[in-house]
All heavy atoms as atom14 arrays in JSON, in Angstrom:
{
  "sequence": "IGVNLDTSGFYEIYRDGDVLITFHGDNETRLE",
  "atom14_mask": [
    [1, 1, 1, 1, 1, 1, 1, 1, 0, 0, 0, 0, 0, 0],
    [1, 1, 1, 1, 0, 0, 0, 0, 0, 0, 0, 0, 0, 0],
    [1, 1, 1, 1, 1, 1, 1, 0, 0, 0, 0, 0, 0, 0],
    [1, 1, 1, 1, 1, 1, 1, 1, 0, 0, 0, 0, 0, 0],
    [1, 1, 1, 1, 1, 1, 1, 1, 0, 0, 0, 0, 0, 0],
    [1, 1, 1, 1, 1, 1, 1, 1, 0, 0, 0, 0, 0, 0],
    [1, 1, 1, 1, 1, 1, 1, 0, 0, 0, 0, 0, 0, 0],
    [1, 1, 1, 1, 1, 1, 0, 0, 0, 0, 0, 0, 0, 0],
    [1, 1, 1, 1, 0, 0, 0, 0, 0, 0, 0, 0, 0, 0],
    [1, 1, 1, 1, 1, 1, 1, 1, 1, 1, 1, 0, 0, 0],
    [1, 1, 1, 1, 1, 1, 1, 1, 1, 1, 1, 1, 0, 0],
    [1, 1, 1, 1, 1, 1, 1, 1, 1, 0, 0, 0, 0, 0],
    [1, 1, 1, 1, 1, 1, 1, 1, 0, 0, 0, 0, 0, 0],
    [1, 1, 1, 1, 1, 1, 1, 1, 1, 1, 1, 1, 0, 0],
    [1, 1, 1, 1, 1, 1, 1, 1, 1, 1, 1, 0, 0, 0],
    [1, 1, 1, 1, 1, 1, 1, 1, 0, 0, 0, 0, 0, 0],
    [1, 1, 1, 1, 0, 0, 0, 0, 0, 0, 0, 0, 0, 0],
    [1, 1, 1, 1, 1, 1, 1, 1, 0, 0, 0, 0, 0, 0],
    [1, 1, 1, 1, 1, 1, 1, 0, 0, 0, 0, 0, 0, 0],
    [1, 1, 1, 1, 1, 1, 1, 1, 0, 0, 0, 0, 0, 0],
    [1, 1, 1, 1, 1, 1, 1, 1, 0, 0, 0, 0, 0, 0],
    [1, 1, 1, 1, 1, 1, 1, 0, 0, 0, 0, 0, 0, 0],
    [1, 1, 1, 1, 1, 1, 1, 1, 1, 1, 1, 0, 0, 0],
    [1, 1, 1, 1, 1, 1, 1, 1, 1, 1, 0, 0, 0, 0],
    [1, 1, 1, 1, 0, 0, 0, 0, 0, 0, 0, 0, 0, 0],
    [1, 1, 1, 1, 1, 1, 1, 1, 0, 0, 0, 0, 0, 0],
    [1, 1, 1, 1, 1, 1, 1, 1, 0, 0, 0, 0, 0, 0],
    [1, 1, 1, 1, 1, 1, 1, 1, 1, 0, 0, 0, 0, 0],
    [1, 1, 1, 1, 1, 1, 1, 0, 0, 0, 0, 0, 0, 0],
    [1, 1, 1, 1, 1, 1, 1, 1, 1, 1, 1, 0, 0, 0],
    [1, 1, 1, 1, 1, 1, 1, 1, 0, 0, 0, 0, 0, 0],
    [1, 1, 1, 1, 1, 1, 1, 1, 1, 0, 0, 0, 0, 0]
  ],
  "atom14_positions": [
    [[-5.19, 10.86, -0.71], [-5.67, 12.24, -0.77], [-7.18, 12.35, -0.61], [-7.71, 13.45, -0.5], [-5.23, 12.95, -2.07], [-5.83, 12.27, -3.29], [-3.72, 13.03, -2.15], [-5.67, 13.07, -4.57], [0.0, 0.0, 0.0], [0.0, 0.0, 0.0], [0.0, 0.0, 0.0], [0.0, 0.0, 0.0], [0.0, 0.0, 0.0], [0.0, 0.0, 0.0]],
    [[-7.89, 11.2, -0.62], [-9.34, 11.28, -0.5], [-9.95, 10.01, 0.06], [-9.49, 8.91, -0.22], [0.0, 0.0, 0.0], [0.0, 0.0, 0.0], [0.0, 0.0, 0.0], [0.0, 0.0, 0.0], [0.0, 0.0, 0.0], [0.0, 0.0, 0.0], [0.0, 0.0, 0.0], [0.0, 0.0, 0.0], [0.0, 0.0, 0.0], [0.0, 0.0, 0.0]],
    [[-10.99, 10.19, 0.87], [-11.79, 9.07, 1.38], [-13.26, 9.5, 1.37], [-13.57, 10.68, 1.47], [-11.39, 8.63, 2.81], [-9.99, 8.07, 2.84], [-11.54, 9.75, 3.8], [0.0, 0.0, 0.0], [0.0, 0.0, 0.0], [0.0, 0.0, 0.0], [0.0, 0.0, 0.0], [0.0, 0.0, 0.0], [0.0, 0.0, 0.0], [0.0, 0.0, 0.0]],
    [[-14.14, 8.5, 1.25], [-15.57, 8.78, 1.31], [-16.3, 7.5, 1.65], [-15.92, 6.42, 1.21], [-16.07, 9.33, -0.03], [-17.49, 9.84, 0.05], [-17.96, 10.27, 1.09], [-18.2, 9.78, -1.06], [0.0, 0.0, 0.0], [0.0, 0.0, 0.0], [0.0, 0.0, 0.0], [0.0, 0.0, 0.0], [0.0, 0.0, 0.0], [0.0, 0.0, 0.0]],
    [[-17.34, 7.63, 2.42], [-18.25, 6.53, 2.71], [-19.65, 7.02, 2.4], [-20.11, 8.03, 2.95], [-18.15, 6.12, 4.19], [-19.13, 5.04, 4.64], [-18.91, 3.74, 3.88], [-18.99, 4.82, 6.14], [0.0, 0.0, 0.0], [0.0, 0.0, 0.0], [0.0, 0.0, 0.0], [0.0, 0.0, 0.0], [0.0, 0.0, 0.0], [0.0, 0.0, 0.0]],
    [[-20.31, 6.33, 1.46], [-21.69, 6.68, 1.14], [-22.48, 5.41, 0.92], [-22.0, 4.31, 1.21], [-21.76, 7.64, -0.06], [-21.2, 7.06, -1.34], [-21.16, 5.82, -1.49], [-20.81, 7.84, -2.22], [0.0, 0.0, 0.0], [0.0, 0.0, 0.0], [0.0, 0.0, 0.0], [0.0, 0.0, 0.0], [0.0, 0.0, 0.0], [0.0, 0.0, 0.0]],
    [[-23.68, 5.51, 0.38], [-24.54, 4.34, 0.24], [-23.99, 3.3, -0.74], [-24.38, 2.15, -0.7], [-25.95, 4.76, -0.22], [-25.85, 5.47, -1.44], [-26.63, 5.61, 0.84], [0.0, 0.0, 0.0], [0.0, 0.0, 0.0], [0.0, 0.0, 0.0], [0.0, 0.0, 0.0], [0.0, 0.0, 0.0], [0.0, 0.0, 0.0], [0.0, 0.0, 0.0]],
    [[-23.06, 3.71, -1.62], [-22.47, 2.75, -2.56], [-21.21, 2.09, -2.0], [-20.65, 1.2, -2.63], [-22.17, 3.42, -3.9], [-21.19, 4.41, -3.74], [0.0, 0.0, 0.0], [0.0, 0.0, 0.0], [0.0, 0.0, 0.0], [0.0, 0.0, 0.0], [0.0, 0.0, 0.0], [0.0, 0.0, 0.0], [0.0, 0.0, 0.0], [0.0, 0.0, 0.0]],
    [[-20.75, 2.52, -0.82], [-19.6, 1.87, -0.21], [-18.53, 2.85, 0.24], [-18.76, 4.05, 0.35], [0.0, 0.0, 0.0], [0.0, 0.0, 0.0], [0.0, 0.0, 0.0], [0.0, 0.0, 0.0], [0.0, 0.0, 0.0], [0.0, 0.0, 0.0], [0.0, 0.0, 0.0], [0.0, 0.0, 0.0], [0.0, 0.0, 0.0], [0.0, 0.0, 0.0]],
    [[-17.35, 2.29, 0.47], [-16.21, 3.05, 0.97], [-15.22, 3.28, -0.18], [-14.94, 2.35, -0.95], [-15.52, 2.27, 2.1], [-14.4, 3.01, 2.75], [-14.65, 3.98, 3.71], [-13.09, 2.75, 2.4], [-13.61, 4.67, 4.31], [-12.04, 3.43, 3.0], [-12.31, 4.39, 3.95], [0.0, 0.0, 0.0], [0.0, 0.0, 0.0], [0.0, 0.0, 0.0]],
    [[-14.7, 4.49, -0.28], [-13.75, 4.85, -1.33], [-12.47, 5.4, -0.72], [-12.52, 6.14, 0.27], [-14.33, 5.94, -2.25], [-15.49, 5.51, -3.07], [-16.78, 5.58, -2.56], [-15.32, 5.03, -4.36], [-17.88, 5.18, -3.31], [-16.41, 4.63, -5.12], [-17.68, 4.71, -4.59], [-18.76, 4.32, -5.34], [0.0, 0.0, 0.0], [0.0, 0.0, 0.0]],
    [[-11.34, 5.06, -1.33], [-10.06, 5.7, -1.04], [-9.47, 6.14, -2.37], [-9.51, 5.38, -3.35], [-9.09, 4.75, -0.35], [-9.43, 4.48, 1.09], [-8.37, 3.66, 1.8], [-7.46, 3.1, 1.15], [-8.48, 3.55, 3.04], [0.0, 0.0, 0.0], [0.0, 0.0, 0.0], [0.0, 0.0, 0.0], [0.0, 0.0, 0.0], [0.0, 0.0, 0.0]],
    [[-8.94, 7.37, -2.42], [-8.33, 7.9, -3.63], [-6.89, 8.26, -3.31], [-6.61, 8.98, -2.34], [-9.1, 9.13, -4.16], [-10.53, 8.72, -4.5], [-8.39, 9.73, -5.36], [-11.41, 9.86, -4.94], [0.0, 0.0, 0.0], [0.0, 0.0, 0.0], [0.0, 0.0, 0.0], [0.0, 0.0, 0.0], [0.0, 0.0, 0.0], [0.0, 0.0, 0.0]],
    [[-5.98, 7.76, -4.13], [-4.55, 7.99, -3.97], [-4.01, 8.73, -5.17], [-4.5, 8.58, -6.29], [-3.8, 6.66, -3.86], [-4.08, 5.91, -2.58], [-5.19, 5.09, -2.46], [-3.22, 6.03, -1.49], [-5.45, 4.41, -1.29], [-3.47, 5.35, -0.31], [-4.58, 4.54, -0.22], [-4.84, 3.86, 0.94], [0.0, 0.0, 0.0], [0.0, 0.0, 0.0]],
    [[-2.96, 9.51, -4.92], [-2.23, 10.16, -6.01], [-0.81, 9.62, -6.01], [-0.15, 9.58, -4.98], [-2.2, 11.68, -5.83], [-1.53, 12.36, -7.01], [-1.66, 13.84, -6.96], [-1.13, 14.42, -8.19], [-1.16, 15.68, -8.46], [-1.7, 16.54, -7.61], [-0.66, 16.13, -9.59], [0.0, 0.0, 0.0], [0.0, 0.0, 0.0], [0.0, 0.0, 0.0]],
    [[-0.38, 9.19, -7.19], [0.98, 8.7, -7.38], [1.55, 9.46, -8.57], [1.36, 9.07, -9.72], [0.96, 7.19, -7.65], [2.34, 6.57, -7.63], [3.31, 7.26, -7.26], [2.46, 5.38, -7.98], [0.0, 0.0, 0.0], [0.0, 0.0, 0.0], [0.0, 0.0, 0.0], [0.0, 0.0, 0.0], [0.0, 0.0, 0.0], [0.0, 0.0, 0.0]],
    [[2.17, 10.6, -8.27], [2.66, 11.47, -9.34], [1.51, 12.03, -10.15], [0.64, 12.71, -9.61], [0.0, 0.0, 0.0], [0.0, 0.0, 0.0], [0.0, 0.0, 0.0], [0.0, 0.0, 0.0], [0.0, 0.0, 0.0], [0.0, 0.0, 0.0], [0.0, 0.0, 0.0], [0.0, 0.0, 0.0], [0.0, 0.0, 0.0], [0.0, 0.0, 0.0]],
    [[1.48, 11.7, -11.44], [0.4, 12.2, -12.3], [-0.69, 11.16, -12.52], [-1.42, 11.21, -13.51], [0.95, 12.71, -13.63], [1.56, 11.6, -14.48], [1.76, 10.48, -13.97], [1.82, 11.85, -15.67], [0.0, 0.0, 0.0], [0.0, 0.0, 0.0], [0.0, 0.0, 0.0], [0.0, 0.0, 0.0], [0.0, 0.0, 0.0], [0.0, 0.0, 0.0]],
    [[-0.81, 10.21, -11.59], [-1.84, 9.16, -11.69], [-2.74, 9.19, -10.45], [-2.27, 9.31, -9.32], [-1.18, 7.76, -11.83], [-2.24, 6.67, -11.83], [-0.35, 7.7, -13.11], [0.0, 0.0, 0.0], [0.0, 0.0, 0.0], [0.0, 0.0, 0.0], [0.0, 0.0, 0.0], [0.0, 0.0, 0.0], [0.0, 0.0, 0.0], [0.0, 0.0, 0.0]],
    [[-4.05, 9.1, -10.7], [-5.06, 9.02, -9.64], [-5.55, 7.57, -9.6], [-5.94, 7.01, -10.63], [-6.22, 9.96, -9.96], [-7.18, 10.28, -8.82], [-6.47, 11.16, -7.78], [-8.4, 11.0, -9.35], [0.0, 0.0, 0.0], [0.0, 0.0, 0.0], [0.0, 0.0, 0.0], [0.0, 0.0, 0.0], [0.0, 0.0, 0.0], [0.0, 0.0, 0.0]],
    [[-5.51, 6.95, -8.42], [-5.91, 5.55, -8.26], [-7.05, 5.5, -7.25], [-6.92, 6.0, -6.13], [-4.73, 4.69, -7.78], [-3.54, 4.88, -8.73], [-5.13, 3.22, -7.68], [-2.22, 4.45, -8.16], [0.0, 0.0, 0.0], [0.0, 0.0, 0.0], [0.0, 0.0, 0.0], [0.0, 0.0, 0.0], [0.0, 0.0, 0.0], [0.0, 0.0, 0.0]],
    [[-8.17, 4.89, -7.67], [-9.36, 4.83, -6.82], [-9.64, 3.39, -6.43], [-9.64, 2.49, -7.27], [-10.58, 5.4, -7.57], [-10.3, 6.72, -7.98], [-11.81, 5.41, -6.67], [0.0, 0.0, 0.0], [0.0, 0.0, 0.0], [0.0, 0.0, 0.0], [0.0, 0.0, 0.0], [0.0, 0.0, 0.0], [0.0, 0.0, 0.0], [0.0, 0.0, 0.0]],
    [[-9.9, 3.2, -5.11], [-10.27, 1.9, -4.57], [-11.68, 2.0, -4.0], [-12.08, 3.04, -3.48], [-9.31, 1.5, -3.44], [-7.91, 1.22, -3.91], [-6.98, 2.25, -4.03], [-7.51, -0.07, -4.23], [-5.69, 2.01, -4.46], [-6.22, -0.32, -4.66], [-5.31, 0.72, -4.78], [0.0, 0.0, 0.0], [0.0, 0.0, 0.0], [0.0, 0.0, 0.0]],
    [[-12.42, 0.9, -4.07], [-13.79, 0.86, -3.57], [-14.03, -0.48, -2.89], [-13.49, -1.5, -3.31], [-14.78, 1.04, -4.72], [-16.2, 0.88, -4.31], [-16.91, -0.27, -4.53], [-17.05, 1.73, -3.68], [-18.14, -0.12, -4.06], [-18.25, 1.08, -3.55], [0.0, 0.0, 0.0], [0.0, 0.0, 0.0], [0.0, 0.0, 0.0], [0.0, 0.0, 0.0]],
    [[-14.87, -0.46, -1.87], [-15.26, -1.69, -1.2], [-16.4, -1.45, -0.25], [-16.86, -0.31, -0.08], [0.0, 0.0, 0.0], [0.0, 0.0, 0.0], [0.0, 0.0, 0.0], [0.0, 0.0, 0.0], [0.0, 0.0, 0.0], [0.0, 0.0, 0.0], [0.0, 0.0, 0.0], [0.0, 0.0, 0.0], [0.0, 0.0, 0.0], [0.0, 0.0, 0.0]],
    [[-16.85, -2.53, 0.4], [-17.95, -2.37, 1.34], [-17.48, -1.87, 2.7], [-18.28, -1.46, 3.52], [-18.77, -3.65, 1.47], [-17.93, -4.89, 1.68], [-16.7, -4.82, 1.59], [-18.53, -5.95, 1.94], [0.0, 0.0, 0.0], [0.0, 0.0, 0.0], [0.0, 0.0, 0.0], [0.0, 0.0, 0.0], [0.0, 0.0, 0.0], [0.0, 0.0, 0.0]],
    [[-16.17, -1.9, 2.93], [-15.59, -1.3, 4.14], [-14.11, -1.01, 3.86], [-13.59, -1.39, 2.82], [-15.78, -2.19, 5.37], [-15.11, -3.53, 5.22], [-13.93, -3.62, 4.94], [-15.88, -4.6, 5.39], [0.0, 0.0, 0.0], [0.0, 0.0, 0.0], [0.0, 0.0, 0.0], [0.0, 0.0, 0.0], [0.0, 0.0, 0.0], [0.0, 0.0, 0.0]],
    [[-13.44, -0.36, 4.81], [-12.07, 0.08, 4.54], [-11.03, -1.04, 4.59], [-9.87, -0.82, 4.23], [-11.67, 1.22, 5.47], [-11.91, 1.0, 6.93], [-11.71, 2.27, 7.72], [-10.56, 2.73, 7.84], [-12.71, 2.82, 8.2], [0.0, 0.0, 0.0], [0.0, 0.0, 0.0], [0.0, 0.0, 0.0], [0.0, 0.0, 0.0], [0.0, 0.0, 0.0]],
    [[-11.42, -2.25, 4.95], [-10.46, -3.36, 4.95], [-10.62, -4.27, 3.74], [-9.77, -5.12, 3.51], [-10.6, -4.22, 6.24], [-11.92, -4.73, 6.3], [-10.28, -3.4, 7.47], [0.0, 0.0, 0.0], [0.0, 0.0, 0.0], [0.0, 0.0, 0.0], [0.0, 0.0, 0.0], [0.0, 0.0, 0.0], [0.0, 0.0, 0.0], [0.0, 0.0, 0.0]],
    [[-11.69, -4.09, 2.97], [-11.93, -4.92, 1.78], [-12.1, -4.02, 0.57], [-13.21, -3.78, 0.11], [-13.17, -5.77, 1.98], [-13.03, -6.75, 3.15], [-14.18, -7.67, 3.23], [-14.25, -8.41, 1.96], [-15.21, -9.25, 1.67], [-16.18, -9.46, 2.51], [-15.22, -9.9, 0.52], [0.0, 0.0, 0.0], [0.0, 0.0, 0.0], [0.0, 0.0, 0.0]],
    [[-10.98, -3.53, 0.05], [-11.0, -2.6, -1.08], [-10.4, -3.24, -2.32], [-9.47, -4.04, -2.22], [-10.22, -1.33, -0.75], [-10.77, -0.49, 0.41], [-9.8, 0.63, 0.73], [-12.13, 0.06, 0.06], [0.0, 0.0, 0.0], [0.0, 0.0, 0.0], [0.0, 0.0, 0.0], [0.0, 0.0, 0.0], [0.0, 0.0, 0.0], [0.0, 0.0, 0.0]],
    [[-10.91, -2.84, -3.48], [-10.34, -3.29, -4.74], [-10.16, -2.08, -5.66], [-10.97, -1.14, -5.62], [-11.2, -4.39, -5.35], [-11.92, -4.05, -6.57], [-12.75, -5.22, -7.13], [-13.24, -6.07, -6.37], [-12.91, -5.23, -8.35], [0.0, 0.0, 0.0], [0.0, 0.0, 0.0], [0.0, 0.0, 0.0], [0.0, 0.0, 0.0], [0.0, 0.0, 0.0]]
  ]
}
């Protein structure tokens, strides 16, 4: 449901029912 790239890195945000899960990394292939 969300993506962003800024000076702190790349973010992806997912929604799984009533849970929000955020991933971060230096690019979209290396996320944690």
